[in-house]
Amino acid sequence: MKAKVNPFYRSVSLSVDNQELAEIFFDYTDEWGSREIGGKMYDIHFHYEPLESFRNRQAWLDSLVSVYLVGDWSEEYYSRNLITEVKIEQ
């Protein structure tokens, strides 16, 4: 799953194989939300901090959005982020 982030509008567009699945808007710079996509429920975490807070641009990109498939809770539940690529919308 890929994410295109617009940090100014606090929006995230999620896609798989270049097909947009959902666009989610957040009110805060650190917020969780849930969304049903294709009959499955996902937890989505948007977490924006300034680039200067990170060691490099890639670490910053990796921290912007996380998506987790909702299932039976276990310790592994939030360890598998489904996002494979993050881009900034320009």
Protein backbone atom coordinates (compact mmCIF):
# COMPACT_ATOMS: atom_id res chain seq x y z
CA MET A 1 0.00 0.00 0.00
CA LYS A 2 1.29 3.46 -0.90
CA ALA A 3 0.50 6.77 0.75
CA LYS A 4 0.52 10.25 -0.73
CA VAL A 5 0.60 12.83 2.07
CA ASN A 6 -0.34 16.46 1.91
CA PRO A 7 0.95 17.75 5.28
CA PHE A 8 -0.59 21.20 4.78
CA TYR A 9 -4.12 19.82 4.36
CA ARG A 10 -3.37 16.89 6.70
CA SER A 11 -4.66 14.45 4.11
CA VAL A 12 -3.50 10.99 3.12
CA SER A 13 -4.42 9.24 -0.14
CA LEU A 14 -3.97 5.47 0.02
CA SER A 15 -3.47 3.37 -3.11
CA VAL A 16 -2.56 -0.12 -4.22
CA ASP A 17 -1.25 -0.82 -7.73
CA ASN A 18 -1.88 2.83 -8.72
CA GLN A 19 -5.57 2.51 -7.83
CA GLU A 20 -6.66 5.02 -5.21
CA LEU A 21 -8.47 3.33 -2.35
CA ALA A 22 -9.27 6.20 0.00
CA GLU A 23 -8.46 9.76 0.95
CA ILE A 24 -8.47 10.52 4.66
CA PHE A 25 -8.36 13.95 6.31
CA PHE A 26 -7.11 14.53 9.83
CA ASP A 27 -7.84 17.44 12.19
CA TYR A 28 -4.64 17.15 14.19
CA THR A 29 -0.98 16.53 13.48
CA ASP A 30 -1.05 13.35 15.57
CA GLU A 31 -4.29 11.46 15.09
CA TRP A 32 -5.67 7.95 14.66
CA GLY A 33 -8.60 7.07 12.45
CA SER A 34 -10.33 3.96 11.14
CA ARG A 35 -11.58 3.33 7.64
CA GLU A 36 -13.22 0.41 5.88
CA ILE A 37 -11.60 -0.26 2.51
CA GLY A 38 -12.63 -3.16 0.31
CA GLY A 39 -14.58 -4.84 3.10
CA LYS A 40 -11.65 -4.75 5.55
CA MET A 41 -11.15 -2.37 8.47
CA TYR A 42 -7.87 -0.46 8.82
CA ASP A 43 -6.44 1.74 11.57
CA ILE A 44 -4.58 4.72 10.15
CA HIS A 45 -2.15 6.90 12.08
CA PHE A 46 -1.19 10.34 10.78
CA HIS A 47 1.76 11.82 12.66
CA TYR A 48 3.34 15.00 11.37
CA GLU A 49 6.46 16.49 12.91
CA PRO A 50 8.87 18.94 11.26
CA LEU A 51 11.56 17.45 9.04
CA GLU A 52 14.24 18.92 11.31
CA SER A 53 13.17 16.48 14.06
CA PHE A 54 14.53 13.50 12.07
CA ARG A 55 17.97 12.27 11.07
CA ASN A 56 17.08 12.32 7.36
CA ARG A 57 14.22 12.79 4.91
CA GLN A 58 13.49 9.06 4.61
CA ALA A 59 13.06 8.67 8.37
CA TRP A 60 10.67 11.63 8.29
CA LEU A 61 8.64 10.13 5.41
CA ASP A 62 8.47 6.76 7.16
CA SER A 63 6.98 8.41 10.24
CA LEU A 64 4.19 10.37 8.54
CA VAL A 65 1.57 7.67 8.12
CA SER A 66 1.02 4.10 9.28
CA VAL A 67 -1.77 1.72 8.28
CA TYR A 68 -2.66 -1.48 10.12
CA LEU A 69 -5.20 -4.15 9.22
CA VAL A 70 -7.69 -4.51 12.07
CA GLY A 71 -8.00 -8.06 13.33
CA ASP A 72 -7.80 -9.97 16.54
CA TRP A 73 -5.58 -7.98 18.87
CA SER A 74 -2.15 -9.39 19.56
CA GLU A 75 1.27 -7.97 20.31
CA GLU A 76 2.06 -8.19 16.60
CA TYR A 77 -1.01 -6.16 15.62
CA TYR A 78 0.71 -2.78 15.40
CA SER A 79 4.10 -4.10 14.33
CA ARG A 80 3.13 -4.64 10.66
CA ASN A 81 2.71 -1.30 8.92
CA LEU A 82 1.14 -1.90 5.49
CA ILE A 83 2.63 1.26 3.97
CA THR A 84 5.50 0.44 1.60
CA GLU A 85 6.04 3.92 0.12
CA VAL A 86 5.27 7.47 1.20
CA LYS A 87 5.33 10.49 -1.10
CA ILE A 88 4.62 14.13 -0.42
CA GLU A 89 1.94 15.66 -2.61
CA GLN A 90 3.24 18.78 -4.28
